[in-house]
C-alpha atoms as a PDB file:
ATOM      1  CA  MET A   1     142.197 164.404  45.558  1.00  0.00           C
ATOM      2  CA  ALA A   2     139.689 161.655  44.833  1.00  0.00           C
ATOM      3  CA  VAL A   3     139.629 160.041  41.395  1.00  0.00           C
ATOM      4  CA  PHE A   4     136.989 157.497  40.416  1.00  0.00           C
ATOM      5  CA  ALA A   5     137.459 155.297  37.344  1.00  0.00           C
ATOM      6  CA  PRO A   6     136.321 151.943  35.923  1.00  0.00           C
ATOM      7  CA  ARG A   7     138.382 148.977  37.125  1.00  0.00           C
ATOM      8  CA  LYS A   8     140.528 147.212  34.559  1.00  0.00           C
ATOM      9  CA  THR A   9     138.340 144.141  34.991  1.00  0.00           C
ATOM     10  CA  SER A  10     135.037 145.983  34.608  1.00  0.00           C
ATOM     11  CA  LYS A  11     132.782 145.006  31.706  1.00  0.00           C
ATOM     12  CA  MET A  12     130.150 147.588  32.589  1.00  0.00           C
ATOM     13  CA  PRO A  13     129.472 151.082  31.206  1.00  0.00           C
ATOM     14  CA  PRO A  14     130.888 153.948  33.294  1.00  0.00           C
ATOM     15  CA  PHE A  15     128.964 154.753  36.453  1.00  0.00           C
ATOM     16  CA  PRO A  16     127.516 158.257  36.968  1.00  0.00           C
ATOM     17  CA  GLU A  17     129.476 160.884  38.838  1.00  0.00           C
ATOM     18  CA  LEU A  18     128.618 161.061  42.543  1.00  0.00           C
ATOM     19  CA  GLN A  19     126.820 164.401  42.218  1.00  0.00           C
ATOM     20  CA  TRP A  20     124.292 163.025  39.718  1.00  0.00           C
ATOM     21  CA  GLY A  21     122.664 160.616  42.144  1.00  0.00           C
ATOM     22  CA  PRO A  22     122.496 156.825  42.381  1.00  0.00           C
ATOM     23  CA  TRP A  23     123.371 154.357  39.668  1.00  0.00           C
ATOM     24  CA  LEU A  24     120.020 153.303  38.168  1.00  0.00           C
ATOM     25  CA  GLY A  25     121.107 149.903  36.878  1.00  0.00           C
ATOM     26  CA  GLY A  26     118.259 147.414  36.625  1.00  0.00           C
ATOM     27  CA  LEU A  27     115.426 149.926  36.413  1.00  0.00           C
ATOM     28  CA  GLU A  28     115.549 149.876  32.631  1.00  0.00           C
ATOM     29  CA  LYS A  29     113.873 146.463  32.545  1.00  0.00           C
ATOM     30  CA  TYR A  30     110.675 147.751  34.171  1.00  0.00           C
ATOM     31  CA  SER A  31     107.865 149.583  32.412  1.00  0.00           C
ATOM     32  CA  GLU A  32     106.742 152.923  33.837  1.00  0.00           C
ATOM     33  CA  ASP A  33     103.484 151.243  34.895  1.00  0.00           C
ATOM     34  CA  ASP A  34     105.233 148.600  37.006  1.00  0.00           C
ATOM     35  CA  THR A  35     105.249 150.796  40.087  1.00  0.00           C
ATOM     36  CA  ALA A  36     105.502 147.870  42.523  1.00  0.00           C
ATOM     37  CA  SER A  37     108.783 146.636  41.003  1.00  0.00           C
ATOM     38  CA  ILE A  38     110.166 150.164  40.770  1.00  0.00           C
ATOM     39  CA  LYS A  39     109.376 150.840  44.425  1.00  0.00           C
ATOM     40  CA  LYS A  40     110.971 147.540  45.442  1.00  0.00           C
ATOM     41  CA  TRP A  41     114.109 148.478  43.498  1.00  0.00           C
ATOM     42  CA  TRP A  42     114.442 151.566  45.703  1.00  0.00           C
ATOM     43  CA  THR A  43     113.323 150.080  49.031  1.00  0.00           C
ATOM     44  CA  ASP A  44     114.415 146.424  49.167  1.00  0.00           C
ATOM     45  CA  PRO A  45     117.571 146.010  51.303  1.00  0.00           C
ATOM     46  CA  GLU A  46     118.963 143.105  49.261  1.00  0.00           C
ATOM     47  CA  GLN A  47     118.600 144.947  45.961  1.00  0.00           C
ATOM     48  CA  ASN A  48     120.257 148.039  47.449  1.00  0.00           C
ATOM     49  CA  TYR A  49     123.125 145.914  48.760  1.00  0.00           C
ATOM     50  CA  GLN A  50     123.689 144.081  45.467  1.00  0.00           C
ATOM     51  CA  ARG A  51     123.751 147.337  43.482  1.00  0.00           C
ATOM     52  CA  MET A  52     126.241 148.799  45.920  1.00  0.00           C
ATOM     53  CA  ILE A  53     128.559 145.788  45.665  1.00  0.00           C
ATOM     54  CA  THR A  54     128.337 145.866  41.876  1.00  0.00           C
ATOM     55  CA  TRP A  55     129.448 149.497  41.924  1.00  0.00           C
ATOM     56  CA  PHE A  56     132.325 148.795  44.326  1.00  0.00           C
ATOM     57  CA  ASP A  57     133.497 145.732  42.390  1.00  0.00           C
ATOM     58  CA  ASN A  58     133.654 147.675  39.130  1.00  0.00           C
ATOM     59  CA  THR A  59     135.071 150.964  40.411  1.00  0.00           C
ATOM     60  CA  TYR A  60     138.690 151.991  40.954  1.00  0.00           C
ATOM     61  CA  PHE A  61     139.104 154.310  43.933  1.00  0.00           C
ATOM     62  CA  GLY A  62     142.147 156.483  43.299  1.00  0.00           C
ATOM     63  CA  GLY A  63     143.830 158.899  45.691  1.00  0.00           C
ATOM     64  CA  GLU A  64     141.442 159.872  48.512  1.00  0.00           C
ATOM     65  CA  ALA A  65     138.412 158.195  46.897  1.00  0.00           C
ATOM     66  CA  ILE A  66     136.792 155.690  49.251  1.00  0.00           C
ATOM     67  CA  PRO A  67     134.107 153.007  48.855  1.00  0.00           C
ATOM     68  CA  ALA A  68     131.212 154.627  50.689  1.00  0.00           C
ATOM     69  CA  THR A  69     127.469 154.197  50.341  1.00  0.00           C
ATOM     70  CA  TYR A  70     124.169 155.318  51.832  1.00  0.00           C
ATOM     71  CA  VAL A  71     120.420 155.109  51.198  1.00  0.00           C
ATOM     72  CA  ASN A  72     119.928 157.478  48.282  1.00  0.00           C
ATOM     73  CA  TRP A  73     116.300 158.463  47.750  1.00  0.00           C
ATOM     74  CA  GLY A  74     117.263 161.909  46.532  1.00  0.00           C
ATOM     75  CA  ALA A  75     118.225 164.809  48.740  1.00  0.00           C
ATOM     76  CA  MET A  76     114.908 165.288  50.605  1.00  0.00           C
ATOM     77  CA  SER A  77     113.841 161.941  52.034  1.00  0.00           C
ATOM     78  CA  MET A  78     112.626 163.470  55.305  1.00  0.00           C
ATOM     79  CA  ALA A  79     109.631 164.821  53.391  1.00  0.00           C
ATOM     80  CA  ALA A  80     108.341 161.241  53.382  1.00  0.00           C
ATOM     81  CA  PHE A  81     108.416 161.197  57.183  1.00  0.00           C
ATOM     82  CA  TYR A  82     105.889 164.044  57.282  1.00  0.00           C
ATOM     83  CA  GLY A  83     103.287 162.832  54.830  1.00  0.00           C
ATOM     84  CA  SER A  84     104.711 163.540  51.389  1.00  0.00           C
ATOM     85  CA  GLN A  85     104.252 160.178  49.711  1.00  0.00           C
ATOM     86  CA  PRO A  86     107.416 159.502  47.685  1.00  0.00           C
ATOM     87  CA  GLU A  87     106.955 158.779  44.007  1.00  0.00           C
ATOM     88  CA  PHE A  88     109.553 156.140  43.192  1.00  0.00           C
ATOM     89  CA  ARG A  89     110.369 156.614  39.512  1.00  0.00           C
ATOM     90  CA  LYS A  90     112.767 155.096  37.019  1.00  0.00           C
ATOM     91  CA  THR A  91     114.989 158.165  37.148  1.00  0.00           C
ATOM     92  CA  SER A  92     114.496 159.630  40.626  1.00  0.00           C
ATOM     93  CA  VAL A  93     112.344 159.882  43.738  1.00  0.00           C
ATOM     94  CA  TRP A  94     109.919 162.803  43.896  1.00  0.00           C
ATOM     95  CA  TYR A  95     108.123 164.270  46.912  1.00  0.00           C
ATOM     96  CA  ALA A  96     104.863 166.086  46.216  1.00  0.00           C
ATOM     97  CA  PRO A  97     103.648 169.201  48.062  1.00  0.00           C
ATOM     98  CA  VAL A  98     101.472 168.462  51.114  1.00  0.00           C
ATOM     99  CA  ILE A  99     101.230 171.728  53.080  1.00  0.00           C
ATOM    100  CA  GLU A 100      98.128 173.462  51.730  1.00  0.00           C
ATOM    101  CA  ASP A 101      97.203 175.655  54.696  1.00  0.00           C
ATOM    102  CA  TRP A 102      99.523 176.586  57.559  1.00  0.00           C
ATOM    103  CA  ASN A 103      96.564 177.055  59.887  1.00  0.00           C
ATOM    104  CA  THR A 104      95.451 173.424  59.607  1.00  0.00           C
ATOM    105  CA  TRP A 105      98.824 171.742  59.040  1.00  0.00           C
ATOM    106  CA  GLU A 106     100.143 169.474  61.811  1.00  0.00           C
ATOM    107  CA  TRP A 107     103.698 168.147  62.113  1.00  0.00           C
ATOM    108  CA  ARG A 108     103.547 164.391  62.764  1.00  0.00           C
ATOM    109  CA  PHE A 109     106.400 161.901  62.512  1.00  0.00           C
ATOM    110  CA  ASP A 110     106.242 158.643  64.468  1.00  0.00           C
ATOM    111  CA  ARG A 111     109.723 157.108  64.334  1.00  0.00           C
ATOM    112  CA  GLU A 112     108.346 153.795  65.595  1.00  0.00           C
ATOM    113  CA  LYS A 113     105.768 153.426  62.822  1.00  0.00           C
ATOM    114  CA  ASN A 114     106.687 155.557  59.816  1.00  0.00           C
ATOM    115  CA  GLU A 115     107.077 153.219  56.819  1.00  0.00           C
ATOM    116  CA  TYR A 116     109.815 155.159  55.070  1.00  0.00           C
ATOM    117  CA  TRP A 117     111.969 155.850  58.131  1.00  0.00           C
ATOM    118  CA  MET A 118     111.792 152.165  59.004  1.00  0.00           C
ATOM    119  CA  GLN A 119     112.767 151.168  55.444  1.00  0.00           C
ATOM    120  CA  ILE A 120     115.759 153.515  55.507  1.00  0.00           C
ATOM    121  CA  ARG A 121     116.899 152.044  58.822  1.00  0.00           C
ATOM    122  CA  GLU A 122     116.427 148.505  57.476  1.00  0.00           C
ATOM    123  CA  ILE A 123     118.499 149.161  54.347  1.00  0.00           C
ATOM    124  CA  THR A 124     121.205 150.882  56.409  1.00  0.00           C
ATOM    125  CA  ALA A 125     121.270 147.979  58.869  1.00  0.00           C
ATOM    126  CA  CYS A 126     121.663 145.512  55.988  1.00  0.00           C
ATOM    127  CA  MET A 127     124.658 147.432  54.645  1.00  0.00           C
ATOM    128  CA  ILE A 128     126.207 147.583  58.111  1.00  0.00           C
ATOM    129  CA  LYS A 129     125.677 143.887  58.848  1.00  0.00           C
ATOM    130  CA  ARG A 130     127.369 142.781  55.625  1.00  0.00           C
ATOM    131  CA  CYS A 131     130.158 145.350  55.605  1.00  0.00           C
ATOM    132  CA  ASP A 132     133.005 143.246  57.066  1.00  0.00           C
ATOM    133  CA  GLY A 133     135.412 146.157  56.783  1.00  0.00           C
ATOM    134  CA  ARG A 134     135.024 146.522  53.018  1.00  0.00           C
ATOM    135  CA  TYR A 135     133.319 149.930  52.810  1.00  0.00           C
ATOM    136  CA  PHE A 136     131.894 152.867  54.753  1.00  0.00           C
ATOM    137  CA  VAL A 137     128.200 153.571  55.314  1.00  0.00           C
ATOM    138  CA  GLY A 138     126.923 157.132  55.498  1.00  0.00           C
ATOM    139  CA  THR A 139     123.706 158.877  56.473  1.00  0.00           C
ATOM    140  CA  PRO A 140     120.947 159.418  53.897  1.00  0.00           C
ATOM    141  CA  GLU A 141     120.370 162.938  52.635  1.00  0.00           C
ATOM    142  CA  PHE A 142     117.339 163.704  54.780  1.00  0.00           C
ATOM    143  CA  GLY A 143     117.225 167.293  53.581  1.00  0.00           C
ATOM    144  CA  THR A 144     117.408 170.576  55.460  1.00  0.00           C
ATOM    145  CA  ALA A 145     114.439 172.779  56.290  1.00  0.00           C
ATOM    146  CA  GLY A 146     114.495 175.294  53.443  1.00  0.00           C
ATOM    147  CA  ASP A 147     114.796 172.664  50.750  1.00  0.00           C
ATOM    148  CA  LEU A 148     112.277 170.333  52.405  1.00  0.00           C
ATOM    149  CA  LEU A 149     109.744 173.140  52.721  1.00  0.00           C
ATOM    150  CA  SER A 150     110.289 174.191  49.108  1.00  0.00           C
ATOM    151  CA  LEU A 151     109.047 170.716  48.165  1.00  0.00           C
ATOM    152  CA  MET A 152     106.401 170.203  50.832  1.00  0.00           C
ATOM    153  CA  ARG A 153     104.900 173.666  50.388  1.00  0.00           C
ATOM    154  CA  GLY A 154     106.185 174.661  46.945  1.00  0.00           C
ATOM    155  CA  ALA A 155     109.082 177.065  46.363  1.00  0.00           C
ATOM    156  CA  ASP A 156     106.884 179.917  45.115  1.00  0.00           C
ATOM    157  CA  LYS A 157     104.485 179.667  48.076  1.00  0.00           C
ATOM    158  CA  LEU A 158     107.351 179.341  50.548  1.00  0.00           C
ATOM    159  CA  GLY A 159     108.867 182.544  49.209  1.00  0.00           C
ATOM    160  CA  MET A 160     105.641 184.401  49.935  1.00  0.00           C
ATOM    161  CA  ASP A 161     105.263 182.660  53.299  1.00  0.00           C
ATOM    162  CA  LEU A 162     108.475 184.292  54.511  1.00  0.00           C
ATOM    163  CA  LEU A 163     106.553 187.568  54.297  1.00  0.00           C
ATOM    164  CA  ASP A 164     103.012 186.438  55.102  1.00  0.00           C
ATOM    165  CA  TYR A 165     103.561 183.658  57.681  1.00  0.00           C
ATOM    166  CA  PRO A 166     107.045 184.197  59.124  1.00  0.00           C
ATOM    167  CA  GLN A 167     106.297 182.598  62.503  1.00  0.00           C
ATOM    168  CA  LYS A 168     104.745 179.515  60.889  1.00  0.00           C
ATOM    169  CA  VAL A 169     107.838 179.104  58.719  1.00  0.00           C
ATOM    170  CA  LYS A 170     110.175 179.531  61.686  1.00  0.00           C
ATOM    171  CA  GLN A 171     108.193 176.937  63.636  1.00  0.00           C
ATOM    172  CA  ALA A 172     108.467 174.557  60.654  1.00  0.00           C
ATOM    173  CA  ILE A 173     112.212 175.124  60.464  1.00  0.00           C
ATOM    174  CA  ASP A 174     112.559 174.301  64.167  1.00  0.00           C
ATOM    175  CA  VAL A 175     110.573 171.067  63.781  1.00  0.00           C
ATOM    176  CA  LEU A 176     112.571 169.909  60.764  1.00  0.00           C
ATOM    177  CA  CYS A 177     115.896 170.948  62.295  1.00  0.00           C
ATOM    178  CA  ASN A 178     115.213 168.945  65.447  1.00  0.00           C
ATOM    179  CA  ALA A 179     114.151 165.926  63.379  1.00  0.00           C
ATOM    180  CA  TRP A 180     117.333 166.285  61.266  1.00  0.00           C
ATOM    181  CA  ILE A 181     119.450 166.089  64.415  1.00  0.00           C
ATOM    182  CA  ASP A 182     117.498 163.166  65.886  1.00  0.00           C
ATOM    183  CA  CYS A 183     117.636 161.126  62.673  1.00  0.00           C
ATOM    184  CA  HIS A 184     121.311 161.852  62.129  1.00  0.00           C
ATOM    185  CA  GLU A 185     122.142 160.890  65.688  1.00  0.00           C
ATOM    186  CA  GLU A 186     120.360 157.534  65.337  1.00  0.00           C
ATOM    187  CA  ILE A 187     122.042 156.678  62.039  1.00  0.00           C
ATOM    188  CA  TYR A 188     125.411 157.863  63.378  1.00  0.00           C
ATOM    189  CA  GLN A 189     125.114 155.527  66.349  1.00  0.00           C
ATOM    190  CA  MET A 190     124.354 152.678  63.925  1.00  0.00           C
ATOM    191  CA  THR A 191     127.195 153.370  61.493  1.00  0.00           C
ATOM    192  CA  ASN A 192     129.969 154.669  63.766  1.00  0.00           C
ATOM    193  CA  PRO A 193     131.397 151.239  64.708  1.00  0.00           C
ATOM    194  CA  ILE A 194     131.982 150.258  61.055  1.00  0.00           C
ATOM    195  CA  ASN A 195     133.233 153.718  60.033  1.00  0.00           C
ATOM    196  CA  ASP A 196     136.516 153.513  61.958  1.00  0.00           C
ATOM    197  CA  GLY A 197     134.992 155.465  64.817  1.00  0.00           C
ATOM    198  CA  GLY A 198     134.131 158.392  62.566  1.00  0.00           C
ATOM    199  CA  ASP A 199     131.496 159.435  60.059  1.00  0.00           C
ATOM    200  CA  VAL A 200     131.344 159.602  56.291  1.00  0.00           C
ATOM    201  CA  LEU A 201     129.642 161.991  53.889  1.00  0.00           C
ATOM    202  CA  ALA A 202     129.256 159.301  51.295  1.00  0.00           C
ATOM    203  CA  TRP A 203     128.390 161.179  48.106  1.00  0.00           C
ATOM    204  CA  MET A 204     131.426 163.417  48.589  1.00  0.00           C
ATOM    205  CA  SER A 205     133.716 160.515  49.551  1.00  0.00           C
ATOM    206  CA  LEU A 206     134.640 162.385  52.752  1.00  0.00           C
ATOM    207  CA  TRP A 207     135.457 160.697  56.075  1.00  0.00           C
ATOM    208  CA  ALA A 208     136.016 162.526  59.348  1.00  0.00           C
ATOM    209  CA  PRO A 209     136.977 161.309  62.852  1.00  0.00           C
ATOM    210  CA  GLY A 210     133.713 162.500  64.407  1.00  0.00           C
ATOM    211  CA  LYS A 211     130.165 163.470  63.510  1.00  0.00           C
ATOM    212  CA  HIS A 212     130.203 164.746  59.960  1.00  0.00           C
ATOM    213  CA  ASP A 213     127.442 165.647  57.569  1.00  0.00           C
ATOM    214  CA  GLN A 214     126.109 168.040  54.999  1.00  0.00           C
ATOM    215  CA  LEU A 215     124.629 171.429  55.853  1.00  0.00           C
ATOM    216  CA  ALA A 216     122.709 173.070  53.035  1.00  0.00           C
ATOM    217  CA  CYS A 217     120.007 175.439  51.846  1.00  0.00           C
ATOM    218  CA  ASP A 218     119.632 175.426  48.065  1.00  0.00           C
ATOM    219  CA  PHE A 219     116.509 177.557  48.554  1.00  0.00           C
ATOM    220  CA  SER A 220     118.876 180.383  49.533  1.00  0.00           C
ATOM    221  CA  SER A 221     119.383 181.030  45.813  1.00  0.00           C
ATOM    222  CA  PHE A 222     115.927 182.626  45.725  1.00  0.00           C
ATOM    223  CA  ILE A 223     116.073 184.917  48.768  1.00  0.00           C
ATOM    224  CA  SER A 224     118.028 187.895  50.014  1.00  0.00           C
ATOM    225  CA  PRO A 225     120.969 187.615  52.407  1.00  0.00           C
ATOM    226  CA  GLU A 226     118.814 189.323  55.052  1.00  0.00           C
ATOM    227  CA  MET A 227     116.079 186.680  54.822  1.00  0.00           C
ATOM    228  CA  PHE A 228     118.676 183.914  54.701  1.00  0.00           C
ATOM    229  CA  LYS A 229     120.183 185.207  57.947  1.00  0.00           C
ATOM    230  CA  GLU A 230     116.808 185.586  59.653  1.00  0.00           C
ATOM    231  CA  PHE A 231     115.234 182.265  58.702  1.00  0.00           C
ATOM    232  CA  PHE A 232     117.880 179.696  57.820  1.00  0.00           C
ATOM    233  CA  VAL A 233     121.240 180.596  59.359  1.00  0.00           C
ATOM    234  CA  PRO A 234     119.992 179.652  62.880  1.00  0.00           C
ATOM    235  CA  GLU A 235     119.179 176.176  61.528  1.00  0.00           C
ATOM    236  CA  ILE A 236     122.614 175.864  59.932  1.00  0.00           C
ATOM    237  CA  GLU A 237     124.236 176.857  63.226  1.00  0.00           C
ATOM    238  CA  LYS A 238     122.169 174.364  65.237  1.00  0.00           C
ATOM    239  CA  GLU A 239     122.808 171.469  62.862  1.00  0.00           C
ATOM    240  CA  GLY A 240     126.430 172.560  62.656  1.00  0.00           C
ATOM    241  CA  ASN A 241     126.669 172.316  66.439  1.00  0.00           C
ATOM    242  CA  TRP A 242     125.634 168.665  66.175  1.00  0.00           C
ATOM    243  CA  CYS A 243     128.457 168.078  63.701  1.00  0.00           C
ATOM    244  CA  ASP A 244     132.065 167.866  64.769  1.00  0.00           C
ATOM    245  CA  TYR A 245     132.906 168.519  61.120  1.00  0.00           C
ATOM    246  CA  GLY A 246     130.260 170.468  59.214  1.00  0.00           C
ATOM    247  CA  THR A 247     130.475 170.588  55.420  1.00  0.00           C
ATOM    248  CA  TYR A 248     128.269 173.153  53.682  1.00  0.00           C
ATOM    249  CA  HIS A 249     126.905 172.185  50.256  1.00  0.00           C
ATOM    250  CA  LEU A 250     126.829 175.363  48.159  1.00  0.00           C
ATOM    251  CA  ASP A 251     124.872 174.779  44.968  1.00  0.00           C
ATOM    252  CA  GLY A 252     124.777 177.063  41.944  1.00  0.00           C
ATOM    253  CA  PRO A 253     126.047 180.537  41.009  1.00  0.00           C
ATOM    254  CA  ASP A 254     123.129 182.399  42.628  1.00  0.00           C
ATOM    255  CA  ALA A 255     123.800 180.742  45.989  1.00  0.00           C
ATOM    256  CA  ILE A 256     127.527 181.469  45.970  1.00  0.00           C
ATOM    257  CA  HIS A 257     127.088 185.078  44.860  1.00  0.00           C
ATOM    258  CA  ASN A 258     124.173 185.818  47.221  1.00  0.00           C
ATOM    259  CA  GLN A 259     125.122 183.971  50.387  1.00  0.00           C
ATOM    260  CA  LEU A 260     128.873 183.302  50.544  1.00  0.00           C
ATOM    261  CA  ASP A 261     129.684 186.270  52.753  1.00  0.00           C
ATOM    262  CA  THR A 262     126.988 185.226  55.210  1.00  0.00           C
ATOM    263  CA  LEU A 263     128.179 181.623  55.255  1.00  0.00           C
ATOM    264  CA  LEU A 264     131.737 182.702  55.997  1.00  0.00           C
ATOM    265  CA  GLU A 265     130.424 184.238  59.225  1.00  0.00           C
ATOM    266  CA  VAL A 266     129.020 180.884  60.403  1.00  0.00           C
ATOM    267  CA  LYS A 267     131.696 179.394  62.637  1.00  0.00           C
ATOM    268  CA  GLN A 268     130.137 175.911  62.592  1.00  0.00           C
ATOM    269  CA  ILE A 269     131.062 175.503  58.901  1.00  0.00           C
ATOM    270  CA  ARG A 270     134.499 173.914  58.524  1.00  0.00           C
ATOM    271  CA  ASN A 271     134.328 172.912  54.867  1.00  0.00           C
ATOM    272  CA  ILE A 272     132.530 174.390  51.864  1.00  0.00           C
ATOM    273  CA  GLU A 273     131.673 172.178  48.904  1.00  0.00           C
ATOM    274  CA  TRP A 274     130.822 173.934  45.664  1.00  0.00           C
ATOM    275  CA  THR A 275     128.582 172.463  42.962  1.00  0.00           C
ATOM    276  CA  PRO A 276     128.401 174.642  39.827  1.00  0.00           C
ATOM    277  CA  GLY A 277     124.820 173.602  38.984  1.00  0.00           C
ATOM    278  CA  ILE A 278     123.197 172.140  35.890  1.00  0.00           C
ATOM    279  CA  ASN A 279     123.611 174.187  32.683  1.00  0.00           C
ATOM    280  CA  CYS A 280     125.873 176.663  34.488  1.00  0.00           C
ATOM    281  CA  PRO A 281     129.532 177.581  33.905  1.00  0.00           C
ATOM    282  CA  PRO A 282     131.919 174.803  34.991  1.00  0.00           C
ATOM    283  CA  THR A 283     134.021 174.676  38.150  1.00  0.00           C
ATOM    284  CA  PHE A 284     137.048 176.333  36.526  1.00  0.00           C
ATOM    285  CA  THR A 285     135.481 179.611  35.480  1.00  0.00           C
ATOM    286  CA  GLU A 286     137.328 182.903  35.909  1.00  0.00           C
ATOM    287  CA  GLU A 287     134.503 184.596  37.798  1.00  0.00           C
ATOM    288  CA  TYR A 288     134.562 181.872  40.451  1.00  0.00           C
ATOM    289  CA  ILE A 289     138.287 181.986  41.229  1.00  0.00           C
ATOM    290  CA  PRO A 290     138.098 185.058  43.529  1.00  0.00           C
ATOM    291  CA  LEU A 291     135.252 183.362  45.429  1.00  0.00           C
ATOM    292  CA  TYR A 292     137.292 180.181  45.893  1.00  0.00           C
ATOM    293  CA  LYS A 293     140.189 182.295  47.156  1.00  0.00           C
ATOM    294  CA  LYS A 294     137.872 184.085  49.560  1.00  0.00           C
ATOM    295  CA  ILE A 295     136.838 180.715  51.003  1.00  0.00           C
ATOM    296  CA  GLN A 296     140.457 179.655  51.382  1.00  0.00           C
ATOM    297  CA  LYS A 297     141.401 182.995  52.932  1.00  0.00           C
ATOM    298  CA  SER A 298     138.690 182.429  55.558  1.00  0.00           C
ATOM    299  CA  ARG A 299     140.602 179.266  56.574  1.00  0.00           C
ATOM    300  CA  ARG A 300     137.778 176.970  55.531  1.00  0.00           C
ATOM    301  CA  ASN A 301     138.550 173.837  53.582  1.00  0.00           C
ATOM    302  CA  LEU A 302     137.351 173.955  49.977  1.00  0.00           C
ATOM    303  CA  TYR A 303     135.869 170.954  48.148  1.00  0.00           C
ATOM    304  CA  LEU A 304     135.420 171.154  44.371  1.00  0.00           C
ATOM    305  CA  LEU A 305     133.831 168.745  41.912  1.00  0.00           C
ATOM    306  CA  ALA A 306     135.831 169.176  38.729  1.00  0.00           C
ATOM    307  CA  LYS A 307     136.476 167.629  35.344  1.00  0.00           C
ATOM    308  CA  ARG A 308     139.956 166.138  35.023  1.00  0.00           C
ATOM    309  CA  GLU A 309     140.955 168.788  32.487  1.00  0.00           C
ATOM    310  CA  GLU A 310     140.178 171.444  35.113  1.00  0.00           C
ATOM    311  CA  ILE A 311     142.557 170.085  37.757  1.00  0.00           C
ATOM    312  CA  GLU A 312     145.770 171.700  36.537  1.00  0.00           C
ATOM    313  CA  PRO A 313     144.276 175.173  35.945  1.00  0.00           C
ATOM    314  CA  LEU A 314     142.562 175.059  39.355  1.00  0.00           C
ATOM    315  CA  LEU A 315     145.848 174.210  41.062  1.00  0.00           C
ATOM    316  CA  SER A 316     147.565 177.020  39.174  1.00  0.00           C
ATOM    317  CA  GLU A 317     145.207 179.456  40.914  1.00  0.00           C
ATOM    318  CA  LEU A 318     144.487 177.910  44.322  1.00  0.00           C
ATOM    319  CA  SER A 319     146.496 176.814  47.308  1.00  0.00           C
ATOM    320  CA  PRO A 320     146.513 173.031  47.818  1.00  0.00           C
ATOM    321  CA  LYS A 321     146.222 173.596  51.571  1.00  0.00           C
ATOM    322  CA  GLY A 322     142.754 172.456  52.654  1.00  0.00           C
ATOM    323  CA  LEU A 323     141.735 171.867  49.037  1.00  0.00           C
ATOM    324  CA  PHE A 324     139.902 168.669  48.060  1.00  0.00           C
ATOM    325  CA  LEU A 325     139.290 167.935  44.376  1.00  0.00           C
ATOM    326  CA  CYS A 326     136.976 165.157  43.221  1.00  0.00           C
ATOM    327  CA  THR A 327     137.009 163.975  39.616  1.00  0.00           C
ATOM    328  CA  GLN A 328     136.476 161.072  37.208  1.00  0.00           C
ATOM    329  CA  ALA A 329     138.873 159.279  34.851  1.00  0.00           C
ATOM    330  CA  ASP A 330     138.212 156.860  32.011  1.00  0.00           C
ATOM    331  CA  SER A 331     140.595 154.156  33.279  1.00  0.00           C
ATOM    332  CA  GLU A 332     142.834 153.129  36.184  1.00  0.00           C
ATOM    333  CA  GLU A 333     145.893 154.175  34.170  1.00  0.00           C
ATOM    334  CA  GLU A 334     144.457 157.594  33.499  1.00  0.00           C
ATOM    335  CA  ALA A 335     143.512 157.996  37.164  1.00  0.00           C
ATOM    336  CA  ASN A 336     147.014 157.114  38.370  1.00  0.00           C
ATOM    337  CA  ASP A 337     148.630 159.349  35.771  1.00  0.00           C
ATOM    338  CA  LEU A 338     146.447 162.235  36.894  1.00  0.00           C
ATOM    339  CA  LEU A 339     147.362 161.654  40.539  1.00  0.00           C
ATOM    340  CA  LYS A 340     151.088 161.689  39.711  1.00  0.00           C
ATOM    341  CA  LYS A 341     150.760 164.904  37.739  1.00  0.00           C
ATOM    342  CA  THR A 342     148.656 166.507  40.469  1.00  0.00           C
ATOM    343  CA  ALA A 343     151.427 165.930  42.976  1.00  0.00           C
ATOM    344  CA  SER A 344     153.838 167.960  40.857  1.00  0.00           C
ATOM    345  CA  TRP A 345     151.253 170.671  40.091  1.00  0.00           C
ATOM    346  CA  SER A 346     150.505 171.064  43.801  1.00  0.00           C
ATOM    347  CA  ALA A 347     154.189 171.218  44.719  1.00  0.00           C
ATOM    348  CA  VAL A 348     154.466 174.538  42.891  1.00  0.00           C
ATOM    349  CA  LYS A 349     152.270 176.198  45.539  1.00  0.00           C
ATOM    350  CA  GLY A 350     153.890 174.477  48.486  1.00  0.00           C
END
């Protein structure tokens, strides 16, 4: 179990949970119109490094929690490599639709010249150079094909495209899948020496002794299992083959209800991480327990983001074998107390 909490010495407000994106400290001093300063906040290597160190210095990492970081421009930064100009905002980074007509669209990404790819590499290199064994550095969330296309084309249009332009969509998935692998391989080669010879999925605080990253398709919430299998499972398998340890990010009740059975057939998935979704029932909800047990029965590892008050009831229902819980506490003392109690709760299941 990983437990994050403020350090005893911290004078700062609590940092956001990992699933809610980067800490936005410092952006509050800029007006919405100061787009140059806002963009620099997101893209300047020194500013990224200083924010990271501030977070590490003020955070207590309890249990399996580890100091790990990465370039966080949201979950779809690869859209910027293919012409979607990122809108760097005070609360997030947004990528606008750019694919208007499949018949005239061309896939172009020059890794030697693309501004945003080069900035991501520069920030990552800065973090690596100054690491000195103090933290891990992960790969940015480049985004997978379904979710990238739902931004670059628009989710409603993409849904219709599966019927009207299936070959164009499959070609797009192939292009983005290959770019995903190429970009991950380059960042992995950069970070591997400072990651103890392994790889880290930073926002989940997960290290593995080989290539390890996030597989995902949040767009699967909107389509049938048959379409998911036809269009997106081949991508998941291919990206999963690149990974030595593939962790699938399953987001929201529609995704888990619609696609879990299909995902359990994908042998490249070793771990399944479940995010309940905004304004949805929390992690410990009775209707989810049979689904968690189904994952565990399939001999996949299960990763759950949970509130600290959910830990004991979750452990009363689930086997601790292959189970990873990630939570927040209000203090070091509370974090350590929770870890001690968790050990006794887990012992009941053996």
